Amino acid sequence: MSATKTAQLTRTHRILIGVVIAGAALIAAIGFTGSYAAVRELAEKKGFGAFSAVFPIGIDAGIVVLLALDLLLTWIRIPFPLLRQTAWLLTAATIAFNGAAAWPDALGVGMHAVIPVL
């Protein structure tokens, strides 16, 4: 039998994990806020009416739920790759919608797309 060696977390490791978690939460909050505003405004311009307020939330929630379900099913050894691919498609759509919100200004397109890419 081979013994499995587990890594021991030091205080420094725990601090770094906390920094990563806090940074990820900050980036997610900034990204969601900016993306929500841009996609909602674009949806309003495209005639989505009252649905434009929930449209961006639906896309982002879809990404999170599909990736979480993919991880869960993979963990219990029932992989379903279409879930991950659909989440990637929704991510690409979010990036495209954010970029389109600033069209035709090339710099604006890049600025709107950079956080969803991150």
PDB file of N, CA and C in Angstrom:
ATOM      1  N   MET A   1       0.838  -1.186   0.000  1.00  0.00           N
ATOM      2  CA  MET A   1       0.000   0.000   0.000  1.00  0.00           C
ATOM      3  C   MET A   1       0.878   1.244   0.000  1.00  0.00           C
ATOM      4  N   SER A   2       0.429   2.240  -0.728  1.00  0.00           N
ATOM      5  CA  SER A   2       1.178   3.493  -0.722  1.00  0.00           C
ATOM      6  C   SER A   2       0.433   4.502   0.147  1.00  0.00           C
ATOM      7  N   ALA A   3       1.199   5.210   0.912  1.00  0.00           N
ATOM      8  CA  ALA A   3       0.608   6.225   1.789  1.00  0.00           C
ATOM      9  C   ALA A   3       0.412   7.508   0.993  1.00  0.00           C
ATOM     10  N   THR A   4      -0.725   8.111   1.163  1.00  0.00           N
ATOM     11  CA  THR A   4      -1.003   9.379   0.501  1.00  0.00           C
ATOM     12  C   THR A   4      -0.528  10.510   1.389  1.00  0.00           C
ATOM     13  N   LYS A   5       0.290  11.361   0.814  1.00  0.00           N
ATOM     14  CA  LYS A   5       0.817  12.494   1.571  1.00  0.00           C
ATOM     15  C   LYS A   5      -0.117  13.684   1.364  1.00  0.00           C
ATOM     16  N   THR A   6      -0.593  14.246   2.449  1.00  0.00           N
ATOM     17  CA  THR A   6      -1.455  15.425   2.350  1.00  0.00           C
ATOM     18  C   THR A   6      -0.653  16.657   2.727  1.00  0.00           C
ATOM     19  N   ALA A   7      -0.928  17.733   2.045  1.00  0.00           N
ATOM     20  CA  ALA A   7      -0.232  18.981   2.307  1.00  0.00           C
ATOM     21  C   ALA A   7      -0.755  19.611   3.594  1.00  0.00           C
ATOM     22  N   GLN A   8       0.155  20.076   4.391  1.00  0.00           N
ATOM     23  CA  GLN A   8      -0.203  20.780   5.616  1.00  0.00           C
ATOM     24  C   GLN A   8      -0.271  22.276   5.315  1.00  0.00           C
ATOM     25  N   LEU A   9      -1.366  22.884   5.676  1.00  0.00           N
ATOM     26  CA  LEU A   9      -1.530  24.310   5.428  1.00  0.00           C
ATOM     27  C   LEU A   9      -0.921  25.102   6.572  1.00  0.00           C
ATOM     28  N   THR A  10      -0.036  26.009   6.208  1.00  0.00           N
ATOM     29  CA  THR A  10       0.561  26.892   7.203  1.00  0.00           C
ATOM     30  C   THR A  10      -0.292  28.147   7.326  1.00  0.00           C
ATOM     31  N   ARG A  11       0.064  28.988   8.251  1.00  0.00           N
ATOM     32  CA  ARG A  11      -0.645  30.267   8.426  1.00  0.00           C
ATOM     33  C   ARG A  11      -0.559  31.095   7.145  1.00  0.00           C
ATOM     34  N   THR A  12       0.595  31.083   6.520  1.00  0.00           N
ATOM     35  CA  THR A  12       0.781  31.832   5.273  1.00  0.00           C
ATOM     36  C   THR A  12      -0.131  31.291   4.179  1.00  0.00           C
ATOM     37  N   HIS A  13      -0.240  29.968   4.079  1.00  0.00           N
ATOM     38  CA  HIS A  13      -1.145  29.381   3.096  1.00  0.00           C
ATOM     39  C   HIS A  13      -2.577  29.845   3.329  1.00  0.00           C
ATOM     40  N   ARG A  14      -2.990  29.830   4.593  1.00  0.00           N
ATOM     41  CA  ARG A  14      -4.367  30.242   4.913  1.00  0.00           C
ATOM     42  C   ARG A  14      -4.606  31.710   4.571  1.00  0.00           C
ATOM     43  N   ILE A  15      -3.615  32.541   4.822  1.00  0.00           N
ATOM     44  CA  ILE A  15      -3.729  33.960   4.470  1.00  0.00           C
ATOM     45  C   ILE A  15      -3.852  34.113   2.958  1.00  0.00           C
ATOM     46  N   LEU A  16      -3.012  33.386   2.220  1.00  0.00           N
ATOM     47  CA  LEU A  16      -3.075  33.463   0.758  1.00  0.00           C
ATOM     48  C   LEU A  16      -4.413  32.957   0.227  1.00  0.00           C
ATOM     49  N   ILE A  17      -4.938  31.904   0.816  1.00  0.00           N
ATOM     50  CA  ILE A  17      -6.251  31.399   0.415  1.00  0.00           C
ATOM     51  C   ILE A  17      -7.313  32.467   0.670  1.00  0.00           C
ATOM     52  N   GLY A  18      -7.225  33.142   1.815  1.00  0.00           N
ATOM     53  CA  GLY A  18      -8.164  34.225   2.121  1.00  0.00           C
ATOM     54  C   GLY A  18      -8.061  35.368   1.128  1.00  0.00           C
ATOM     55  N   VAL A  19      -6.832  35.726   0.733  1.00  0.00           N
ATOM     56  CA  VAL A  19      -6.627  36.789  -0.250  1.00  0.00           C
ATOM     57  C   VAL A  19      -7.231  36.387  -1.595  1.00  0.00           C
ATOM     58  N   VAL A  20      -7.020  35.144  -2.004  1.00  0.00           N
ATOM     59  CA  VAL A  20      -7.573  34.657  -3.271  1.00  0.00           C
ATOM     60  C   VAL A  20      -9.101  34.689  -3.239  1.00  0.00           C
ATOM     61  N   ILE A  21      -9.682  34.212  -2.145  1.00  0.00           N
ATOM     62  CA  ILE A  21     -11.143  34.193  -2.028  1.00  0.00           C
ATOM     63  C   ILE A  21     -11.700  35.617  -2.036  1.00  0.00           C
ATOM     64  N   ALA A  22     -11.084  36.502  -1.270  1.00  0.00           N
ATOM     65  CA  ALA A  22     -11.548  37.896  -1.235  1.00  0.00           C
ATOM     66  C   ALA A  22     -11.394  38.563  -2.598  1.00  0.00           C
ATOM     67  N   GLY A  23     -10.258  38.327  -3.255  1.00  0.00           N
ATOM     68  CA  GLY A  23     -10.036  38.899  -4.581  1.00  0.00           C
ATOM     69  C   GLY A  23     -11.024  38.376  -5.603  1.00  0.00           C
ATOM     70  N   ALA A  24     -11.278  37.074  -5.558  1.00  0.00           N
ATOM     71  CA  ALA A  24     -12.240  36.476  -6.487  1.00  0.00           C
ATOM     72  C   ALA A  24     -13.643  37.036  -6.260  1.00  0.00           C
ATOM     73  N   ALA A  25     -14.011  37.203  -4.998  1.00  0.00           N
ATOM     74  CA  ALA A  25     -15.335  37.758  -4.680  1.00  0.00           C
ATOM     75  C   ALA A  25     -15.432  39.208  -5.163  1.00  0.00           C
ATOM     76  N   LEU A  26     -14.365  39.976  -4.989  1.00  0.00           N
ATOM     77  CA  LEU A  26     -14.352  41.368  -5.440  1.00  0.00           C
ATOM     78  C   LEU A  26     -14.467  41.447  -6.962  1.00  0.00           C
ATOM     79  N   ILE A  27     -13.678  40.639  -7.666  1.00  0.00           N
ATOM     80  CA  ILE A  27     -13.733  40.629  -9.132  1.00  0.00           C
ATOM     81  C   ILE A  27     -15.125  40.205  -9.605  1.00  0.00           C
ATOM     82  N   ALA A  28     -15.685  39.190  -8.957  1.00  0.00           N
ATOM     83  CA  ALA A  28     -17.025  38.730  -9.328  1.00  0.00           C
ATOM     84  C   ALA A  28     -18.064  39.824  -9.107  1.00  0.00           C
ATOM     85  N   ALA A  29     -17.974  40.528  -7.987  1.00  0.00           N
ATOM     86  CA  ALA A  29     -18.938  41.592  -7.693  1.00  0.00           C
ATOM     87  C   ALA A  29     -18.824  42.736  -8.697  1.00  0.00           C
ATOM     88  N   ILE A  30     -17.601  43.140  -8.985  1.00  0.00           N
ATOM     89  CA  ILE A  30     -17.392  44.217  -9.961  1.00  0.00           C
ATOM     90  C   ILE A  30     -17.861  43.763 -11.336  1.00  0.00           C
ATOM     91  N   GLY A  31     -17.485  42.552 -11.716  1.00  0.00           N
ATOM     92  CA  GLY A  31     -17.873  42.021 -13.025  1.00  0.00           C
ATOM     93  C   GLY A  31     -19.379  41.903 -13.167  1.00  0.00           C
ATOM     94  N   PHE A  32     -20.033  41.378 -12.134  1.00  0.00           N
ATOM     95  CA  PHE A  32     -21.488  41.227 -12.200  1.00  0.00           C
ATOM     96  C   PHE A  32     -22.161  42.590 -12.300  1.00  0.00           C
ATOM     97  N   THR A  33     -21.711  43.548 -11.510  1.00  0.00           N
ATOM     98  CA  THR A  33     -22.320  44.874 -11.514  1.00  0.00           C
ATOM     99  C   THR A  33     -22.190  45.539 -12.881  1.00  0.00           C
ATOM    100  N   GLY A  34     -20.966  45.538 -13.418  1.00  0.00           N
ATOM    101  CA  GLY A  34     -20.743  46.162 -14.721  1.00  0.00           C
ATOM    102  C   GLY A  34     -21.449  45.430 -15.844  1.00  0.00           C
ATOM    103  N   SER A  35     -21.365  44.107 -15.813  1.00  0.00           N
ATOM    104  CA  SER A  35     -22.001  43.297 -16.846  1.00  0.00           C
ATOM    105  C   SER A  35     -23.521  43.446 -16.788  1.00  0.00           C
ATOM    106  N   TYR A  36     -24.060  43.431 -15.562  1.00  0.00           N
ATOM    107  CA  TYR A  36     -25.509  43.571 -15.411  1.00  0.00           C
ATOM    108  C   TYR A  36     -25.983  44.871 -16.052  1.00  0.00           C
ATOM    109  N   ALA A  37     -25.312  45.971 -15.743  1.00  0.00           N
ATOM    110  CA  ALA A  37     -25.733  47.271 -16.270  1.00  0.00           C
ATOM    111  C   ALA A  37     -25.649  47.309 -17.797  1.00  0.00           C
ATOM    112  N   ALA A  38     -24.543  46.807 -18.336  1.00  0.00           N
ATOM    113  CA  ALA A  38     -24.355  46.856 -19.788  1.00  0.00           C
ATOM    114  C   ALA A  38     -25.349  45.955 -20.520  1.00  0.00           C
ATOM    115  N   VAL A  39     -25.528  44.736 -20.039  1.00  0.00           N
ATOM    116  CA  VAL A  39     -26.429  43.792 -20.716  1.00  0.00           C
ATOM    117  C   VAL A  39     -27.890  44.219 -20.547  1.00  0.00           C
ATOM    118  N   ARG A  40     -28.239  44.753 -19.369  1.00  0.00           N
ATOM    119  CA  ARG A  40     -29.604  45.240 -19.165  1.00  0.00           C
ATOM    120  C   ARG A  40     -29.912  46.377 -20.130  1.00  0.00           C
ATOM    121  N   GLU A  41     -28.971  47.320 -20.242  1.00  0.00           N
ATOM    122  CA  GLU A  41     -29.165  48.453 -21.151  1.00  0.00           C
ATOM    123  C   GLU A  41     -29.287  47.978 -22.599  1.00  0.00           C
ATOM    124  N   LEU A  42     -28.447  47.021 -22.994  1.00  0.00           N
ATOM    125  CA  LEU A  42     -28.524  46.474 -24.346  1.00  0.00           C
ATOM    126  C   LEU A  42     -29.864  45.774 -24.575  1.00  0.00           C
ATOM    127  N   ALA A  43     -30.316  45.007 -23.587  1.00  0.00           N
ATOM    128  CA  ALA A  43     -31.605  44.309 -23.705  1.00  0.00           C
ATOM    129  C   ALA A  43     -32.755  45.307 -23.833  1.00  0.00           C
ATOM    130  N   GLU A  44     -32.674  46.420 -23.100  1.00  0.00           N
ATOM    131  CA  GLU A  44     -33.705  47.454 -23.219  1.00  0.00           C
ATOM    132  C   GLU A  44     -33.732  48.020 -24.631  1.00  0.00           C
ATOM    133  N   LYS A  45     -32.520  48.299 -25.191  1.00  0.00           N
ATOM    134  CA  LYS A  45     -32.433  48.836 -26.548  1.00  0.00           C
ATOM    135  C   LYS A  45     -32.982  47.850 -27.574  1.00  0.00           C
ATOM    136  N   LYS A  46     -32.871  46.569 -27.292  1.00  0.00           N
ATOM    137  CA  LYS A  46     -33.321  45.538 -28.228  1.00  0.00           C
ATOM    138  C   LYS A  46     -34.778  45.140 -28.020  1.00  0.00           C
ATOM    139  N   GLY A  47     -35.483  45.859 -27.137  1.00  0.00           N
ATOM    140  CA  GLY A  47     -36.908  45.661 -26.983  1.00  0.00           C
ATOM    141  C   GLY A  47     -37.331  44.546 -26.034  1.00  0.00           C
ATOM    142  N   PHE A  48     -36.492  44.202 -25.073  1.00  0.00           N
ATOM    143  CA  PHE A  48     -36.841  43.150 -24.118  1.00  0.00           C
ATOM    144  C   PHE A  48     -37.841  43.627 -23.062  1.00  0.00           C
ATOM    145  N   GLY A  49     -38.059  44.916 -22.977  1.00  0.00           N
ATOM    146  CA  GLY A  49     -39.023  45.460 -22.017  1.00  0.00           C
ATOM    147  C   GLY A  49     -38.656  45.150 -20.579  1.00  0.00           C
ATOM    148  N   ALA A  50     -39.645  44.772 -19.780  1.00  0.00           N
ATOM    149  CA  ALA A  50     -39.428  44.497 -18.352  1.00  0.00           C
ATOM    150  C   ALA A  50     -38.490  43.309 -18.146  1.00  0.00           C
ATOM    151  N   PHE A  51     -38.434  42.383 -19.109  1.00  0.00           N
ATOM    152  CA  PHE A  51     -37.559  41.214 -18.989  1.00  0.00           C
ATOM    153  C   PHE A  51     -36.083  41.599 -19.006  1.00  0.00           C
ATOM    154  N   SER A  52     -35.764  42.797 -19.524  1.00  0.00           N
ATOM    155  CA  SER A  52     -34.367  43.225 -19.591  1.00  0.00           C
ATOM    156  C   SER A  52     -33.729  43.339 -18.204  1.00  0.00           C
ATOM    157  N   ALA A  53     -34.543  43.508 -17.157  1.00  0.00           N
ATOM    158  CA  ALA A  53     -34.004  43.616 -15.797  1.00  0.00           C
ATOM    159  C   ALA A  53     -33.509  42.275 -15.263  1.00  0.00           C
ATOM    160  N   VAL A  54     -34.091  41.176 -15.718  1.00  0.00           N
ATOM    161  CA  VAL A  54     -33.687  39.851 -15.217  1.00  0.00           C
ATOM    162  C   VAL A  54     -32.863  39.056 -16.232  1.00  0.00           C
ATOM    163  N   PHE A  55     -32.827  39.490 -17.459  1.00  0.00           N
ATOM    164  CA  PHE A  55     -32.084  38.785 -18.504  1.00  0.00           C
ATOM    165  C   PHE A  55     -30.620  38.563 -18.135  1.00  0.00           C
ATOM    166  N   PRO A  56     -29.872  39.604 -17.704  1.00  0.00           N
ATOM    167  CA  PRO A  56     -28.460  39.374 -17.349  1.00  0.00           C
ATOM    168  C   PRO A  56     -28.294  38.419 -16.160  1.00  0.00           C
ATOM    169  N   ILE A  57     -29.220  38.480 -15.214  1.00  0.00           N
ATOM    170  CA  ILE A  57     -29.149  37.584 -14.050  1.00  0.00           C
ATOM    171  C   ILE A  57     -29.359  36.137 -14.499  1.00  0.00           C
ATOM    172  N   GLY A  58     -30.276  35.933 -15.423  1.00  0.00           N
ATOM    173  CA  GLY A  58     -30.533  34.592 -15.944  1.00  0.00           C
ATOM    174  C   GLY A  58     -29.310  33.991 -16.611  1.00  0.00           C
ATOM    175  N   ILE A  59     -28.602  34.795 -17.377  1.00  0.00           N
ATOM    176  CA  ILE A  59     -27.391  34.298 -18.042  1.00  0.00           C
ATOM    177  C   ILE A  59     -26.336  33.917 -17.001  1.00  0.00           C
ATOM    178  N   ASP A  60     -26.055  34.823 -16.066  1.00  0.00           N
ATOM    179  CA  ASP A  60     -25.023  34.551 -15.057  1.00  0.00           C
ATOM    180  C   ASP A  60     -25.411  33.394 -14.144  1.00  0.00           C
ATOM    181  N   ALA A  61     -26.669  33.319 -13.767  1.00  0.00           N
ATOM    182  CA  ALA A  61     -27.130  32.203 -12.932  1.00  0.00           C
ATOM    183  C   ALA A  61     -27.007  30.893 -13.706  1.00  0.00           C
ATOM    184  N   GLY A  62     -27.313  30.927 -14.987  1.00  0.00           N
ATOM    185  CA  GLY A  62     -27.176  29.737 -15.817  1.00  0.00           C
ATOM    186  C   GLY A  62     -25.743  29.234 -15.858  1.00  0.00           C
ATOM    187  N   ILE A  63     -24.792  30.153 -15.978  1.00  0.00           N
ATOM    188  CA  ILE A  63     -23.376  29.775 -15.989  1.00  0.00           C
ATOM    189  C   ILE A  63     -23.003  29.092 -14.675  1.00  0.00           C
ATOM    190  N   VAL A  64     -23.354  29.722 -13.570  1.00  0.00           N
ATOM    191  CA  VAL A  64     -22.997  29.185 -12.253  1.00  0.00           C
ATOM    192  C   VAL A  64     -23.642  27.822 -12.021  1.00  0.00           C
ATOM    193  N   VAL A  65     -24.930  27.709 -12.309  1.00  0.00           N
ATOM    194  CA  VAL A  65     -25.646  26.451 -12.059  1.00  0.00           C
ATOM    195  C   VAL A  65     -25.121  25.332 -12.958  1.00  0.00           C
ATOM    196  N   LEU A  66     -24.908  25.620 -14.220  1.00  0.00           N
ATOM    197  CA  LEU A  66     -24.414  24.582 -15.126  1.00  0.00           C
ATOM    198  C   LEU A  66     -23.021  24.099 -14.734  1.00  0.00           C
ATOM    199  N   LEU A  67     -22.134  25.030 -14.353  1.00  0.00           N
ATOM    200  CA  LEU A  67     -20.791  24.615 -13.936  1.00  0.00           C
ATOM    201  C   LEU A  67     -20.827  23.846 -12.626  1.00  0.00           C
ATOM    202  N   ALA A  68     -21.664  24.285 -11.691  1.00  0.00           N
ATOM    203  CA  ALA A  68     -21.775  23.563 -10.414  1.00  0.00           C
ATOM    204  C   ALA A  68     -22.340  22.163 -10.637  1.00  0.00           C
ATOM    205  N   LEU A  69     -23.354  22.043 -11.483  1.00  0.00           N
ATOM    206  CA  LEU A  69     -23.923  20.726 -11.775  1.00  0.00           C
ATOM    207  C   LEU A  69     -22.899  19.845 -12.490  1.00  0.00           C
ATOM    208  N   ASP A  70     -22.132  20.437 -13.397  1.00  0.00           N
ATOM    209  CA  ASP A  70     -21.083  19.680 -14.078  1.00  0.00           C
ATOM    210  C   ASP A  70     -20.061  19.151 -13.077  1.00  0.00           C
ATOM    211  N   LEU A  71     -19.636  20.009 -12.147  1.00  0.00           N
ATOM    212  CA  LEU A  71     -18.684  19.563 -11.117  1.00  0.00           C
ATOM    213  C   LEU A  71     -19.274  18.457 -10.254  1.00  0.00           C
ATOM    214  N   LEU A  72     -20.524  18.626  -9.854  1.00  0.00           N
ATOM    215  CA  LEU A  72     -21.182  17.625  -9.014  1.00  0.00           C
ATOM    216  C   LEU A  72     -21.283  16.280  -9.737  1.00  0.00           C
ATOM    217  N   LEU A  73     -21.762  16.302 -10.966  1.00  0.00           N
ATOM    218  CA  LEU A  73     -21.913  15.050 -11.712  1.00  0.00           C
ATOM    219  C   LEU A  73     -20.563  14.396 -11.999  1.00  0.00           C
ATOM    220  N   THR A  74     -19.546  15.206 -12.285  1.00  0.00           N
ATOM    221  CA  THR A  74     -18.208  14.661 -12.496  1.00  0.00           C
ATOM    222  C   THR A  74     -17.683  14.033 -11.213  1.00  0.00           C
ATOM    223  N   TRP A  75     -17.929  14.685 -10.099  1.00  0.00           N
ATOM    224  CA  TRP A  75     -17.485  14.193  -8.794  1.00  0.00           C
ATOM    225  C   TRP A  75     -18.099  12.829  -8.471  1.00  0.00           C
ATOM    226  N   ILE A  76     -19.373  12.658  -8.816  1.00  0.00           N
ATOM    227  CA  ILE A  76     -20.025  11.373  -8.527  1.00  0.00           C
ATOM    228  C   ILE A  76     -19.928  10.420  -9.727  1.00  0.00           C
ATOM    229  N   ARG A  77     -19.019  10.739 -10.624  1.00  0.00           N
ATOM    230  CA  ARG A  77     -18.668   9.902 -11.770  1.00  0.00           C
ATOM    231  C   ARG A  77     -19.828   9.676 -12.755  1.00  0.00           C
ATOM    232  N   ILE A  78     -20.573  10.747 -12.983  1.00  0.00           N
ATOM    233  CA  ILE A  78     -21.605  10.740 -14.026  1.00  0.00           C
ATOM    234  C   ILE A  78     -21.369  11.991 -14.897  1.00  0.00           C
ATOM    235  N   PRO A  79     -20.253  12.027 -15.610  1.00  0.00           N
ATOM    236  CA  PRO A  79     -19.945  13.239 -16.378  1.00  0.00           C
ATOM    237  C   PRO A  79     -20.955  13.479 -17.492  1.00  0.00           C
ATOM    238  N   PHE A  80     -21.251  14.737 -17.721  1.00  0.00           N
ATOM    239  CA  PHE A  80     -22.162  15.152 -18.789  1.00  0.00           C
ATOM    240  C   PHE A  80     -21.570  16.413 -19.419  1.00  0.00           C
ATOM    241  N   PRO A  81     -20.616  16.240 -20.345  1.00  0.00           N
ATOM    242  CA  PRO A  81     -19.847  17.374 -20.891  1.00  0.00           C
ATOM    243  C   PRO A  81     -20.687  18.491 -21.499  1.00  0.00           C
ATOM    244  N   LEU A  82     -21.894  18.191 -21.948  1.00  0.00           N
ATOM    245  CA  LEU A  82     -22.728  19.225 -22.549  1.00  0.00           C
ATOM    246  C   LEU A  82     -23.030  20.365 -21.567  1.00  0.00           C
ATOM    247  N   LEU A  83     -23.054  20.067 -20.273  1.00  0.00           N
ATOM    248  CA  LEU A  83     -23.288  21.111 -19.269  1.00  0.00           C
ATOM    249  C   LEU A  83     -22.167  22.148 -19.306  1.00  0.00           C
ATOM    250  N   ARG A  84     -20.930  21.673 -19.317  1.00  0.00           N
ATOM    251  CA  ARG A  84     -19.781  22.585 -19.339  1.00  0.00           C
ATOM    252  C   ARG A  84     -19.750  23.371 -20.642  1.00  0.00           C
ATOM    253  N   GLN A  85     -20.023  22.709 -21.749  1.00  0.00           N
ATOM    254  CA  GLN A  85     -20.009  23.392 -23.037  1.00  0.00           C
ATOM    255  C   GLN A  85     -21.114  24.448 -23.122  1.00  0.00           C
ATOM    256  N   THR A  86     -22.257  24.177 -22.549  1.00  0.00           N
ATOM    257  CA  THR A  86     -23.342  25.160 -22.526  1.00  0.00           C
ATOM    258  C   THR A  86     -22.965  26.355 -21.648  1.00  0.00           C
ATOM    259  N   ALA A  87     -22.308  26.091 -20.522  1.00  0.00           N
ATOM    260  CA  ALA A  87     -21.835  27.184 -19.663  1.00  0.00           C
ATOM    261  C   ALA A  87     -20.816  28.038 -20.410  1.00  0.00           C
ATOM    262  N   TRP A  88     -19.939  27.405 -21.178  1.00  0.00           N
ATOM    263  CA  TRP A  88     -18.970  28.157 -21.978  1.00  0.00           C
ATOM    264  C   TRP A  88     -19.687  29.003 -23.037  1.00  0.00           C
ATOM    265  N   LEU A  89     -20.728  28.456 -23.628  1.00  0.00           N
ATOM    266  CA  LEU A  89     -21.510  29.195 -24.618  1.00  0.00           C
ATOM    267  C   LEU A  89     -22.171  30.421 -23.978  1.00  0.00           C
ATOM    268  N   LEU A  90     -22.730  30.241 -22.786  1.00  0.00           N
ATOM    269  CA  LEU A  90     -23.326  31.374 -22.065  1.00  0.00           C
ATOM    270  C   LEU A  90     -22.263  32.407 -21.698  1.00  0.00           C
ATOM    271  N   THR A  91     -21.065  31.956 -21.341  1.00  0.00           N
ATOM    272  CA  THR A  91     -19.963  32.878 -21.029  1.00  0.00           C
ATOM    273  C   THR A  91     -19.584  33.674 -22.275  1.00  0.00           C
ATOM    274  N   ALA A  92     -19.478  32.999 -23.415  1.00  0.00           N
ATOM    275  CA  ALA A  92     -19.171  33.695 -24.671  1.00  0.00           C
ATOM    276  C   ALA A  92     -20.274  34.701 -25.014  1.00  0.00           C
ATOM    277  N   ALA A  93     -21.525  34.320 -24.759  1.00  0.00           N
ATOM    278  CA  ALA A  93     -22.641  35.232 -25.015  1.00  0.00           C
ATOM    279  C   ALA A  93     -22.552  36.467 -24.128  1.00  0.00           C
ATOM    280  N   THR A  94     -22.209  36.266 -22.856  1.00  0.00           N
ATOM    281  CA  THR A  94     -22.065  37.401 -21.941  1.00  0.00           C
ATOM    282  C   THR A  94     -20.983  38.353 -22.422  1.00  0.00           C
ATOM    283  N   ILE A  95     -19.856  37.796 -22.848  1.00  0.00           N
ATOM    284  CA  ILE A  95     -18.755  38.625 -23.357  1.00  0.00           C
ATOM    285  C   ILE A  95     -19.219  39.389 -24.599  1.00  0.00           C
ATOM    286  N   ALA A  96     -19.896  38.696 -25.503  1.00  0.00           N
ATOM    287  CA  ALA A  96     -20.375  39.343 -26.729  1.00  0.00           C
ATOM    288  C   ALA A  96     -21.398  40.435 -26.420  1.00  0.00           C
ATOM    289  N   PHE A  97     -22.335  40.163 -25.518  1.00  0.00           N
ATOM    290  CA  PHE A  97     -23.347  41.157 -25.159  1.00  0.00           C
ATOM    291  C   PHE A  97     -22.704  42.386 -24.517  1.00  0.00           C
ATOM    292  N   ASN A  98     -21.711  42.157 -23.637  1.00  0.00           N
ATOM    293  CA  ASN A  98     -21.027  43.280 -23.011  1.00  0.00           C
ATOM    294  C   ASN A  98     -20.280  44.106 -24.044  1.00  0.00           C
ATOM    295  N   GLY A  99     -19.597  43.439 -24.968  1.00  0.00           N
ATOM    296  CA  GLY A  99     -18.899  44.164 -26.027  1.00  0.00           C
ATOM    297  C   GLY A  99     -19.860  44.921 -26.922  1.00  0.00           C
ATOM    298  N   ALA A 100     -20.980  44.301 -27.255  1.00  0.00           N
ATOM    299  CA  ALA A 100     -21.966  44.935 -28.132  1.00  0.00           C
ATOM    300  C   ALA A 100     -22.570  46.181 -27.508  1.00  0.00           C
ATOM    301  N   ALA A 101     -22.562  46.249 -26.190  1.00  0.00           N
ATOM    302  CA  ALA A 101     -23.121  47.426 -25.504  1.00  0.00           C
ATOM    303  C   ALA A 101     -22.352  48.700 -25.838  1.00  0.00           C
ATOM    304  N   ALA A 102     -21.100  48.570 -26.261  1.00  0.00           N
ATOM    305  CA  ALA A 102     -20.287  49.746 -26.584  1.00  0.00           C
ATOM    306  C   ALA A 102     -20.036  49.898 -28.083  1.00  0.00           C
ATOM    307  N   TRP A 103     -20.617  49.024 -28.877  1.00  0.00           N
ATOM    308  CA  TRP A 103     -20.386  49.066 -30.317  1.00  0.00           C
ATOM    309  C   TRP A 103     -20.842  50.381 -30.908  1.00  0.00           C
ATOM    310  N   PRO A 104     -20.128  51.015 -31.804  1.00  0.00           N
ATOM    311  CA  PRO A 104     -18.961  50.616 -32.579  1.00  0.00           C
ATOM    312  C   PRO A 104     -17.634  51.139 -32.025  1.00  0.00           C
ATOM    313  N   ASP A 105     -17.611  51.643 -30.813  1.00  0.00           N
ATOM    314  CA  ASP A 105     -16.376  52.158 -30.209  1.00  0.00           C
ATOM    315  C   ASP A 105     -15.472  50.989 -29.809  1.00  0.00           C
ATOM    316  N   ALA A 106     -14.372  50.799 -30.543  1.00  0.00           N
ATOM    317  CA  ALA A 106     -13.489  49.642 -30.329  1.00  0.00           C
ATOM    318  C   ALA A 106     -12.918  49.607 -28.912  1.00  0.00           C
ATOM    319  N   LEU A 107     -12.485  50.758 -28.408  1.00  0.00           N
ATOM    320  CA  LEU A 107     -11.949  50.796 -27.052  1.00  0.00           C
ATOM    321  C   LEU A 107     -13.042  50.453 -26.039  1.00  0.00           C
ATOM    322  N   GLY A 108     -14.228  50.992 -26.233  1.00  0.00           N
ATOM    323  CA  GLY A 108     -15.353  50.690 -25.357  1.00  0.00           C
ATOM    324  C   GLY A 108     -15.720  49.214 -25.381  1.00  0.00           C
ATOM    325  N   VAL A 109     -15.670  48.603 -26.560  1.00  0.00           N
ATOM    326  CA  VAL A 109     -15.961  47.171 -26.685  1.00  0.00           C
ATOM    327  C   VAL A 109     -14.975  46.381 -25.837  1.00  0.00           C
ATOM    328  N   GLY A 110     -13.687  46.711 -25.939  1.00  0.00           N
ATOM    329  CA  GLY A 110     -12.663  46.032 -25.153  1.00  0.00           C
ATOM    330  C   GLY A 110     -12.860  46.248 -23.667  1.00  0.00           C
ATOM    331  N   MET A 111     -13.185  47.476 -23.291  1.00  0.00           N
ATOM    332  CA  MET A 111     -13.386  47.790 -21.861  1.00  0.00           C
ATOM    333  C   MET A 111     -14.582  47.030 -21.296  1.00  0.00           C
ATOM    334  N   HIS A 112     -15.662  46.938 -22.085  1.00  0.00           N
ATOM    335  CA  HIS A 112     -16.854  46.223 -21.622  1.00  0.00           C
ATOM    336  C   HIS A 112     -16.631  44.718 -21.566  1.00  0.00           C
ATOM    337  N   ALA A 113     -15.768  44.194 -22.440  1.00  0.00           N
ATOM    338  CA  ALA A 113     -15.580  42.745 -22.533  1.00  0.00           C
ATOM    339  C   ALA A 113     -14.537  42.207 -21.546  1.00  0.00           C
ATOM    340  N   VAL A 114     -13.635  43.062 -21.057  1.00  0.00           N
ATOM    341  CA  VAL A 114     -12.492  42.566 -20.297  1.00  0.00           C
ATOM    342  C   VAL A 114     -12.881  41.893 -18.980  1.00  0.00           C
ATOM    343  N   ILE A 115     -13.816  42.434 -18.227  1.00  0.00           N
ATOM    344  CA  ILE A 115     -14.181  41.822 -16.943  1.00  0.00           C
ATOM    345  C   ILE A 115     -14.900  40.497 -17.145  1.00  0.00           C
ATOM    346  N   PRO A 116     -15.871  40.391 -18.067  1.00  0.00           N
ATOM    347  CA  PRO A 116     -16.454  39.053 -18.272  1.00  0.00           C
ATOM    348  C   PRO A 116     -15.425  38.024 -18.748  1.00  0.00           C
ATOM    349  N   VAL A 117     -14.430  38.460 -19.514  1.00  0.00           N
ATOM    350  CA  VAL A 117     -13.375  37.538 -19.913  1.00  0.00           C
ATOM    351  C   VAL A 117     -12.612  37.060 -18.685  1.00  0.00           C
ATOM    352  N   LEU A 118     -12.347  37.979 -17.767  1.00  0.00           N
ATOM    353  CA  LEU A 118     -11.621  37.621 -16.533  1.00  0.00           C
ATOM    354  C   LEU A 118     -12.425  36.661 -15.703  1.00  0.00           C
TER     355      LEU A 118
END
